[in-house]
Protein backbone atom coordinates (compact mmCIF):
# COMPACT_ATOMS: atom_id res chain seq x y z
CA MET A 1 -5.15 27.99 19.19
CA ALA A 2 -1.69 28.23 20.71
CA ASP A 3 -0.26 31.73 21.10
CA LYS A 4 0.65 33.37 17.77
CA ARG A 5 -0.40 30.36 15.68
CA ILE A 6 -2.61 31.05 12.69
CA TYR A 7 -5.31 29.04 10.94
CA ASN A 8 -3.47 27.35 8.09
CA PHE A 9 -5.78 26.40 5.20
CA SER A 10 -2.97 25.04 3.03
CA ALA A 11 -3.76 22.17 0.65
CA GLY A 12 -0.46 20.56 1.63
CA PRO A 13 1.83 20.45 3.41
CA SER A 14 -1.01 21.23 5.76
CA MET A 15 -1.48 21.96 9.41
CA LEU A 16 -0.81 19.28 12.01
CA PRO A 17 -2.65 18.65 15.28
CA GLU A 18 -1.06 20.75 18.01
CA GLU A 19 -0.82 17.68 20.23
CA VAL A 20 1.37 16.01 17.62
CA LEU A 21 3.62 19.05 17.36
CA ARG A 22 3.99 19.26 21.13
CA THR A 23 4.86 15.57 21.41
CA ALA A 24 7.41 15.81 18.61
CA SER A 25 8.90 18.89 20.26
CA GLN A 26 9.19 17.16 23.63
CA GLN A 27 10.84 14.12 22.04
CA MET A 28 13.09 16.02 19.66
CA LEU A 29 16.32 15.82 21.65
CA ASN A 30 15.76 12.53 23.44
CA TYR A 31 13.20 10.05 22.13
CA LYS A 32 12.03 7.80 24.98
CA ASP A 33 15.39 7.85 26.79
CA SER A 34 17.27 6.74 23.69
CA GLY A 35 19.57 9.73 24.10
CA MET A 36 18.96 10.92 20.56
CA SER A 37 16.35 12.33 18.21
CA VAL A 38 14.40 10.10 15.83
CA MET A 39 16.12 12.16 13.14
CA GLU A 40 19.47 10.75 14.25
CA MET A 41 18.81 7.09 14.98
CA SER A 42 19.58 4.17 12.70
CA HIS A 43 16.62 2.75 10.85
CA ARG A 44 18.05 -0.68 11.72
CA SER A 45 17.94 -0.04 15.47
CA SER A 46 15.43 -1.81 17.70
CA THR A 47 14.09 1.57 18.82
CA TYR A 48 13.26 2.64 15.27
CA ASP A 49 11.99 -0.81 14.37
CA ALA A 50 9.34 -0.35 17.06
CA ILE A 51 8.40 3.07 15.61
CA ILE A 52 7.82 1.85 12.05
CA LYS A 53 6.02 -1.31 13.12
CA ASP A 54 3.78 0.68 15.46
CA ALA A 55 2.90 3.12 12.65
CA GLN A 56 1.93 0.24 10.38
CA ARG A 57 -0.11 -1.43 13.14
CA ARG A 58 -2.00 1.79 13.86
CA LEU A 59 -2.75 2.37 10.19
CA ARG A 60 -4.04 -1.19 9.77
CA GLU A 61 -6.22 -0.77 12.84
CA LEU A 62 -7.73 2.57 11.83
CA LEU A 63 -8.45 1.58 8.23
CA GLN A 64 -9.28 -2.03 9.10
CA ILE A 65 -6.88 -3.17 6.39
CA PRO A 66 -7.42 -6.86 5.52
CA ASP A 67 -4.58 -9.30 6.14
CA ASN A 68 -4.07 -9.92 2.41
CA TYR A 69 -2.91 -6.33 1.86
CA LYS A 70 0.62 -5.04 2.28
CA VAL A 71 1.33 -1.60 3.76
CA LEU A 72 4.37 0.15 2.28
CA PHE A 73 6.08 3.35 3.41
CA LEU A 74 7.76 4.76 0.29
CA GLN A 75 9.58 7.87 -0.89
CA GLY A 76 9.32 10.12 -3.92
CA GLY A 77 5.95 11.67 -3.16
CA ALA A 78 2.60 10.56 -4.53
CA SER A 79 3.65 11.70 -8.01
CA THR A 80 6.26 8.92 -8.20
CA GLN A 81 3.35 6.48 -8.05
CA PHE A 82 2.13 7.80 -11.41
CA ALA A 83 4.93 5.70 -12.96
CA ALA A 84 5.21 2.98 -10.30
CA ILE A 85 1.57 1.92 -10.72
CA PRO A 86 1.73 0.99 -14.43
CA MET A 87 5.20 -0.51 -13.94
CA ASN A 88 3.82 -2.85 -11.28
CA LEU A 89 0.28 -3.49 -12.49
CA LEU A 90 0.26 -3.39 -16.30
CA HIS A 91 0.28 -7.03 -17.40
CA SER A 92 -1.79 -7.03 -20.59
CA GLY A 93 -0.74 -3.45 -21.28
CA CYS A 94 -4.21 -1.87 -20.93
CA ALA A 95 -5.69 0.24 -18.12
CA ASP A 96 -8.65 2.58 -17.68
CA TYR A 97 -8.14 6.07 -16.25
CA ILE A 98 -10.93 8.35 -15.00
CA ILE A 99 -9.72 11.92 -15.28
CA THR A 100 -11.37 14.22 -12.75
CA GLY A 101 -8.64 16.76 -12.11
CA HIS A 102 -5.07 17.95 -12.46
CA PHE A 103 -3.38 15.02 -10.73
CA ALA A 104 -5.49 12.32 -12.36
CA LYS A 105 -4.56 13.84 -15.71
CA LYS A 106 -0.87 13.85 -14.79
CA ALA A 107 -1.12 10.21 -13.72
CA TYR A 108 -2.77 9.35 -17.05
CA GLU A 109 -0.09 11.15 -19.05
CA GLU A 110 2.66 9.31 -17.18
CA ALA A 111 0.97 5.93 -17.62
CA THR A 112 0.78 6.36 -21.41
CA LYS A 113 4.55 5.80 -21.47
CA TYR A 114 4.02 2.18 -20.42
CA GLY A 115 0.95 0.85 -22.22
CA ALA A 116 -2.36 1.41 -23.97
CA ILE A 117 -4.09 3.70 -21.50
CA HIS A 118 -7.76 4.40 -22.10
CA VAL A 119 -9.70 7.41 -20.82
CA ALA A 120 -12.80 5.82 -19.31
CA ALA A 121 -14.33 9.20 -18.47
CA SER A 122 -13.29 12.81 -18.02
CA SER A 123 -14.88 15.91 -16.51
CA GLU A 124 -12.33 18.25 -18.06
CA GLU A 125 -14.88 19.68 -20.50
CA ASP A 126 -16.69 21.21 -17.50
CA LYS A 127 -13.55 22.42 -15.74
CA PHE A 128 -13.42 19.29 -13.57
CA SER A 129 -16.43 20.48 -11.62
CA TYR A 130 -18.01 17.04 -11.16
CA ILE A 131 -17.38 13.32 -10.69
CA PRO A 132 -18.68 11.08 -13.52
CA LYS A 133 -21.54 8.76 -12.62
CA GLN A 134 -21.38 5.00 -13.09
CA ASP A 135 -23.29 5.09 -16.39
CA GLN A 136 -20.77 7.59 -17.76
CA LEU A 137 -17.82 5.24 -17.28
CA ASP A 138 -16.56 3.44 -20.38
CA LEU A 139 -14.75 0.59 -18.65
CA HIS A 140 -12.96 -2.27 -20.37
CA PRO A 141 -13.52 -5.73 -18.83
CA ASP A 142 -9.97 -6.79 -19.77
CA ALA A 143 -8.22 -3.76 -18.24
CA ASP A 144 -5.47 -4.48 -15.73
CA TYR A 145 -6.83 -1.80 -13.41
CA VAL A 146 -9.11 1.23 -13.20
CA TYR A 147 -7.44 4.41 -11.93
CA LEU A 148 -9.10 7.32 -10.13
CA CYS A 149 -8.16 10.23 -7.88
CA HIS A 150 -10.50 10.01 -4.89
CA ASN A 151 -10.40 13.69 -3.92
CA ASN A 152 -9.39 16.56 -6.15
CA THR A 153 -7.63 19.22 -4.14
CA ILE A 154 -7.53 21.84 -6.88
CA TYR A 155 -11.14 21.62 -8.03
CA GLY A 156 -12.82 20.64 -4.76
CA THR A 157 -14.57 17.43 -5.82
CA GLU A 158 -14.63 14.02 -4.15
CA TRP A 159 -15.87 10.56 -5.11
CA ASN A 160 -18.94 9.63 -3.06
CA TYR A 161 -19.27 6.13 -4.49
CA VAL A 162 -17.01 3.23 -5.43
CA PRO A 163 -17.43 2.45 -9.14
CA GLU A 164 -18.48 -1.06 -10.17
CA THR A 165 -15.66 -2.52 -12.26
CA ASN A 166 -16.70 -6.19 -12.40
CA GLY A 167 -13.60 -7.44 -10.68
CA VAL A 168 -11.03 -5.17 -12.29
CA PRO A 169 -8.85 -3.77 -9.46
CA ILE A 170 -9.40 -0.12 -8.59
CA VAL A 171 -6.31 2.00 -7.99
CA ALA A 172 -7.11 5.12 -5.96
CA ASP A 173 -5.04 8.19 -5.18
CA MET A 174 -6.36 9.15 -1.74
CA SER A 175 -3.66 11.68 -0.92
CA SER A 176 -6.06 14.40 0.18
CA ASP A 177 -8.89 12.51 1.88
CA ILE A 178 -7.40 9.36 3.39
CA LEU A 179 -8.23 9.04 7.11
CA SER A 180 -10.99 11.64 6.79
CA LYS A 181 -13.68 8.96 7.06
CA PRO A 182 -14.02 5.18 7.06
CA ILE A 183 -13.43 3.36 3.76
CA ASP A 184 -13.73 -0.27 2.71
CA VAL A 185 -10.16 -1.09 1.70
CA SER A 186 -11.25 -4.44 0.25
CA LYS A 187 -13.03 -2.63 -2.60
CA TYR A 188 -9.69 -1.38 -3.91
CA GLY A 189 -6.70 -3.18 -5.37
CA LEU A 190 -4.31 -0.41 -4.41
CA ILE A 191 -4.62 2.81 -2.42
CA TYR A 192 -1.84 5.35 -2.17
CA ALA A 193 -1.45 8.70 -0.46
CA GLY A 194 1.16 11.31 0.21
CA ALA A 195 1.24 11.99 3.95
CA GLN A 196 1.41 15.78 3.98
CA LYS A 197 -2.32 16.51 4.01
CA ASN A 198 -4.11 14.28 6.52
CA MET A 199 -1.39 11.91 7.72
CA GLY A 200 1.67 13.91 8.63
CA ILE A 201 4.54 15.66 6.90
CA ALA A 202 6.04 15.53 3.43
CA GLY A 203 8.50 12.72 2.80
CA VAL A 204 6.54 9.48 3.10
CA THR A 205 3.98 8.03 0.71
CA VAL A 206 1.77 5.21 1.94
CA VAL A 207 0.85 2.41 -0.48
CA ILE A 208 -1.74 -0.20 0.51
CA VAL A 209 -1.71 -2.98 -2.06
CA ARG A 210 -3.43 -6.35 -2.37
CA GLU A 211 -0.91 -9.17 -2.27
CA ASP A 212 -2.05 -10.86 -5.48
CA LEU A 213 -1.12 -7.71 -7.42
CA LEU A 214 2.54 -8.01 -6.43
CA GLY A 215 5.34 -9.64 -8.39
CA ASN A 216 4.49 -8.94 -12.04
CA THR A 217 6.44 -5.79 -12.74
CA LEU A 218 7.54 -4.62 -16.16
CA ALA A 219 11.02 -5.90 -16.98
CA ARG A 220 12.78 -2.56 -16.68
CA THR A 221 11.10 -1.44 -13.47
CA PRO A 222 13.68 0.17 -11.15
CA THR A 223 14.15 -1.77 -7.94
CA MET A 224 13.13 1.24 -5.89
CA LEU A 225 9.73 1.28 -7.64
CA ASN A 226 9.11 -2.46 -7.30
CA TYR A 227 6.30 -3.02 -4.78
CA LYS A 228 7.22 -6.69 -4.29
CA VAL A 229 10.77 -5.80 -3.28
CA MET A 230 9.55 -3.15 -0.87
CA ALA A 231 6.92 -5.49 0.59
CA ASP A 232 9.42 -8.33 1.04
CA LYS A 233 11.79 -5.93 2.84
CA ASP A 234 9.05 -4.36 5.03
CA SER A 235 9.77 -0.93 3.47
CA MET A 236 13.38 -1.28 4.60
CA TYR A 237 15.11 -2.05 1.29
CA ASN A 238 16.94 1.24 1.80
CA THR A 239 16.78 3.94 4.47
CA PRO A 240 13.10 4.87 4.75
CA PRO A 241 11.88 8.44 5.48
CA THR A 242 12.34 7.81 9.18
CA TYR A 243 11.12 11.07 10.70
CA ALA A 244 8.10 11.33 8.41
CA ILE A 245 7.05 7.81 9.44
CA TYR A 246 7.48 8.76 13.10
CA ILE A 247 5.19 11.80 12.65
CA LEU A 248 2.70 9.60 10.78
CA GLY A 249 2.58 7.34 13.82
CA LEU A 250 1.87 10.30 16.11
CA VAL A 251 -0.95 11.50 13.83
CA LEU A 252 -2.48 8.01 13.79
CA GLU A 253 -2.34 7.93 17.58
CA TRP A 254 -4.06 11.34 17.71
CA ILE A 255 -6.84 10.17 15.35
CA LYS A 256 -7.47 7.14 17.53
CA LYS A 257 -7.74 9.38 20.59
CA GLN A 258 -10.33 11.52 18.79
CA GLY A 259 -12.52 8.46 18.29
CA GLY A 260 -11.16 7.00 15.06
CA LEU A 261 -12.36 7.51 11.50
CA ALA A 262 -16.07 7.63 12.35
CA ALA A 263 -15.36 10.58 14.63
CA MET A 264 -13.20 12.18 11.92
CA GLN A 265 -16.05 11.87 9.45
CA GLU A 266 -18.52 13.46 11.85
CA ARG A 267 -16.31 16.47 12.55
CA ASN A 268 -15.29 16.85 8.89
CA GLU A 269 -18.90 16.80 7.74
CA LYS A 270 -19.78 19.38 10.37
CA LYS A 271 -16.98 21.71 9.28
CA ALA A 272 -17.81 21.34 5.60
CA LYS A 273 -21.52 21.88 6.18
CA LEU A 274 -20.87 25.13 8.05
CA LEU A 275 -18.80 26.50 5.19
CA TYR A 276 -20.96 25.23 2.33
CA ASP A 277 -24.16 26.42 4.02
CA TYR A 278 -22.72 29.90 4.25
CA LEU A 279 -21.56 29.83 0.64
CA ASP A 280 -24.94 28.58 -0.58
CA GLN A 281 -26.86 31.44 1.02
CA SER A 282 -24.45 34.06 -0.30
CA ASP A 283 -24.96 35.93 -3.58
CA PHE A 284 -21.38 37.21 -3.36
CA TYR A 285 -19.36 33.99 -3.28
CA ILE A 286 -19.56 31.43 -6.09
CA THR A 287 -18.76 27.75 -5.51
CA THR A 288 -16.97 25.90 -8.31
CA ALA A 289 -17.83 22.22 -7.69
CA LYS A 290 -21.18 20.56 -8.38
CA LYS A 291 -23.11 20.31 -5.12
CA GLU A 292 -23.46 16.52 -5.17
CA ASP A 293 -19.71 16.03 -5.69
CA ARG A 294 -18.29 18.57 -3.26
CA SER A 295 -15.20 17.66 -1.29
CA LEU A 296 -15.20 17.54 2.50
CA MET A 297 -11.52 18.45 2.44
CA ASN A 298 -11.05 21.23 -0.12
CA VAL A 299 -13.70 23.93 -0.49
CA THR A 300 -13.24 25.99 -3.65
CA PHE A 301 -15.00 29.26 -4.50
CA THR A 302 -14.54 32.71 -5.99
CA THR A 303 -15.67 36.28 -5.40
CA PRO A 304 -17.20 38.32 -8.25
CA SER A 305 -13.78 39.30 -9.67
CA LYS A 306 -10.12 38.32 -9.72
CA GLU A 307 -9.30 41.64 -8.08
CA LEU A 308 -11.58 40.84 -5.15
CA ASP A 309 -10.14 37.32 -4.97
CA ALA A 310 -6.68 38.83 -4.52
CA LEU A 311 -7.97 41.31 -1.94
CA PHE A 312 -9.70 38.50 -0.07
CA VAL A 313 -6.46 36.54 0.15
CA SER A 314 -4.34 39.50 1.27
CA GLU A 315 -6.83 40.59 3.93
CA SER A 316 -7.27 37.03 5.20
CA ILE A 317 -3.57 36.94 6.03
CA ARG A 318 -3.95 40.03 8.21
CA ALA A 319 -6.93 38.30 9.85
CA GLY A 320 -4.77 35.41 11.07
CA MET A 321 -5.23 32.91 8.24
CA SER A 322 -2.95 31.61 5.50
CA ASN A 323 -2.91 29.73 2.19
CA LEU A 324 -6.43 30.57 1.05
CA LYS A 325 -5.28 31.41 -2.47
CA GLY A 326 -6.57 28.93 -5.04
CA HIS A 327 -4.19 26.74 -7.01
CA ARG A 328 -2.23 28.62 -9.66
CA ALA A 329 -3.95 26.56 -12.39
CA VAL A 330 -7.41 27.88 -11.55
CA GLY A 331 -7.08 30.87 -9.23
CA GLY A 332 -9.94 31.79 -6.93
CA ILE A 333 -10.00 30.76 -3.29
CA ARG A 334 -9.53 27.37 -1.65
CA ALA A 335 -10.02 26.46 1.99
CA SER A 336 -8.48 23.10 2.84
CA ILE A 337 -10.10 21.84 6.02
CA TYR A 338 -8.32 18.58 6.72
CA ASN A 339 -8.59 16.57 9.93
CA ALA A 340 -6.33 18.87 11.94
CA MET A 341 -8.34 22.02 11.16
CA PRO A 342 -10.49 22.74 14.23
CA ILE A 343 -14.06 23.88 13.81
CA GLU A 344 -13.01 27.20 15.32
CA GLY A 345 -10.85 27.78 12.25
CA VAL A 346 -13.82 27.34 9.94
CA GLU A 347 -15.95 29.61 12.12
CA HIS A 348 -13.20 32.24 12.04
CA LEU A 349 -13.07 32.00 8.24
CA ILE A 350 -16.84 32.40 7.93
CA GLU A 351 -16.79 35.47 10.19
CA PHE A 352 -14.12 36.97 7.96
CA MET A 353 -16.06 36.07 4.81
CA ARG A 354 -19.20 37.69 6.18
CA ALA A 355 -17.33 40.91 6.98
CA PHE A 356 -15.55 40.90 3.61
CA GLU A 357 -18.85 40.46 1.79
CA ALA A 358 -20.44 43.28 3.74
CA THR A 359 -17.60 45.62 2.84
CA ASN A 360 -17.12 44.60 -0.80
CA GLY A 361 -20.52 43.31 -1.87
CA GLY A 362 -21.40 46.44 -3.79
CA LYS A 363 -18.21 46.56 -5.83
């Protein structure tokens, strides 16, 4: 780690690769002899046009996005898509939602404003500790789409299969696990993700949408939420989040240098295994997600008491770590180990956990 930097386990905005930060720092005052920062340049300039097109090209290359999908760089955060999705995709007025956590539930509640939204499955009765299996999904063959949240940052669960929907498009919120491993984009109708976890900084939301799903918006859909308008204008209908897209491009370049998504998967699985293996052999720490549905990105657990949870968090800060406190909705402890988290950070956390358990195990 660079001098005085800590291990940041935040669920988002999360840590960035140091190489990306150094490059952005070096280019801050004068981007490639343009005489200005990316923050200052016109989004209509040829210099910026190259930046946004390069970011899109890199994303298509890494995810192997088919040609019949549009890539959009939007604003408003991932939560804006909770409304944009039904506005753009509800044709018959019916959609299936699989509720596996806080954000899937929020998306469902927003969608109910626009049509007959059906809960195809929910794990809420077990504190969102698992992902429903295929035979637990009550899917409607005439639904306009099936919605799911691919990784649940708060509860530490992740989908490890793509549900069979018999041709109904799947809409997936991949905000917290996109670019962590290879995915088959063609199995989804629409994928969206806020950038501030694995892709960059807050401010840009990526939407990857199949072309045949464009152009049938609800009549009162605001222009800014209309995917077809944004696709036709190459995400340039208005001023895009220019600097966030620039950082996204740097992160994509960094991932490619690491070996691409297969290499990301290998290192992410290694990090997660180290942490879960330690948790599984401990009688002190308690994991909260079902073993078969555990997230590679967000590891959630508790100590024997809320008081010890709070002590763990406060002492971890003094040990050179941050943001290990669990989400306010559930408490406990959460270690977010996204792409940029080096294995040394996980090893440092485990050393701290071992020492904390030794000191507090009898309390």
